[in-house]
Amino acid sequence: MGTPRTFHTQTDSTLVHRNGEPVTVVRAIRHADNAHDLEVLPMYIVRFEDGTQIEAWCDELQPHRHAVPVQA
């Protein structure tokens, strides 16, 4: 994880103002639980540069144009 991406949503009107902002993938959500049905997974916890964390789907995360490879 820690992969730089750019956020873009077409479905969440409460977050559309954040389109184009860089985010960092914190972790993947891969297993169903009380808040996530298997049909919607995987999802990702992502962090904006201001520290705000949200859940995002794969199609909301675009490759970040200025990404620097993460060193392990």
Protein backbone atom coordinates (compact mmCIF):
# COMPACT_ATOMS: atom_id res chain seq x y z
CA MET A 1 0.00 0.00 0.00
CA GLY A 2 1.09 3.61 0.22
CA THR A 3 0.50 3.91 -3.51
CA PRO A 4 -0.08 7.47 -4.76
CA ARG A 5 -3.30 7.85 -6.77
CA THR A 6 -5.61 10.62 -7.94
CA PHE A 7 -9.20 10.59 -6.68
CA HIS A 8 -12.08 10.95 -9.14
CA THR A 9 -15.74 10.13 -8.48
CA GLN A 10 -18.75 10.46 -10.73
CA THR A 11 -21.26 9.05 -8.25
CA ASP A 12 -20.62 10.64 -4.82
CA SER A 13 -21.86 14.22 -4.96
CA THR A 14 -20.46 14.90 -1.48
CA LEU A 15 -16.92 14.21 -2.73
CA VAL A 16 -17.00 15.45 -6.33
CA HIS A 17 -15.32 18.70 -5.21
CA ARG A 18 -12.23 16.58 -4.38
CA ASN A 19 -11.87 15.24 -7.93
CA GLY A 20 -8.27 15.50 -9.11
CA GLU A 21 -6.78 15.56 -5.62
CA PRO A 22 -3.93 13.18 -4.84
CA VAL A 23 -4.59 10.40 -2.32
CA THR A 24 -2.51 7.66 -0.77
CA VAL A 25 -3.90 4.14 -0.47
CA VAL A 26 -3.76 3.21 3.23
CA ARG A 27 -5.19 -0.30 3.00
CA ALA A 28 -7.51 -2.54 1.02
CA ILE A 29 -10.88 -3.79 2.26
CA ARG A 30 -11.14 -7.29 0.82
CA HIS A 31 -13.41 -9.19 3.21
CA ALA A 32 -17.13 -8.76 3.78
CA ASP A 33 -18.22 -7.45 7.17
CA ASN A 34 -21.17 -5.56 8.69
CA ALA A 35 -20.36 -2.45 6.62
CA HIS A 36 -19.25 -4.06 3.34
CA ASP A 37 -21.03 -6.63 1.17
CA LEU A 38 -18.83 -8.96 -0.86
CA GLU A 39 -20.41 -7.61 -4.08
CA VAL A 40 -18.84 -4.15 -3.58
CA LEU A 41 -15.34 -5.31 -2.74
CA PRO A 42 -12.52 -4.63 -3.02
CA MET A 43 -12.63 -1.10 -1.69
CA TYR A 44 -9.79 0.97 -0.33
CA ILE A 45 -9.16 3.29 2.58
CA VAL A 46 -7.44 6.33 1.09
CA ARG A 47 -5.99 9.48 2.66
CA PHE A 48 -6.07 12.94 1.10
CA GLU A 49 -3.12 15.29 1.65
CA ASP A 50 -5.10 17.13 4.35
CA GLY A 51 -5.38 13.88 6.36
CA THR A 52 -9.02 13.14 5.52
CA GLN A 53 -9.59 9.39 5.08
CA ILE A 54 -12.43 7.88 3.07
CA GLU A 55 -13.43 4.58 1.48
CA ALA A 56 -13.10 4.48 -2.31
CA TRP A 57 -13.78 1.98 -5.08
CA CYS A 58 -11.13 0.94 -7.62
CA ASP A 59 -12.73 3.02 -10.37
CA GLU A 60 -12.40 6.17 -8.22
CA LEU A 61 -8.60 5.81 -8.03
CA GLN A 62 -6.61 6.84 -11.06
CA PRO A 63 -2.83 6.50 -11.47
CA HIS A 64 -1.16 9.62 -10.11
CA ARG A 65 0.74 11.38 -12.90
CA HIS A 66 3.59 12.48 -10.65
CA ALA A 67 3.85 9.27 -8.66
CA VAL A 68 7.20 8.30 -7.26
CA PRO A 69 7.67 4.54 -6.85
CA VAL A 70 7.36 3.48 -3.21
CA GLN A 71 10.53 1.85 -1.90
CA ALA A 72 9.96 -1.24 0.24
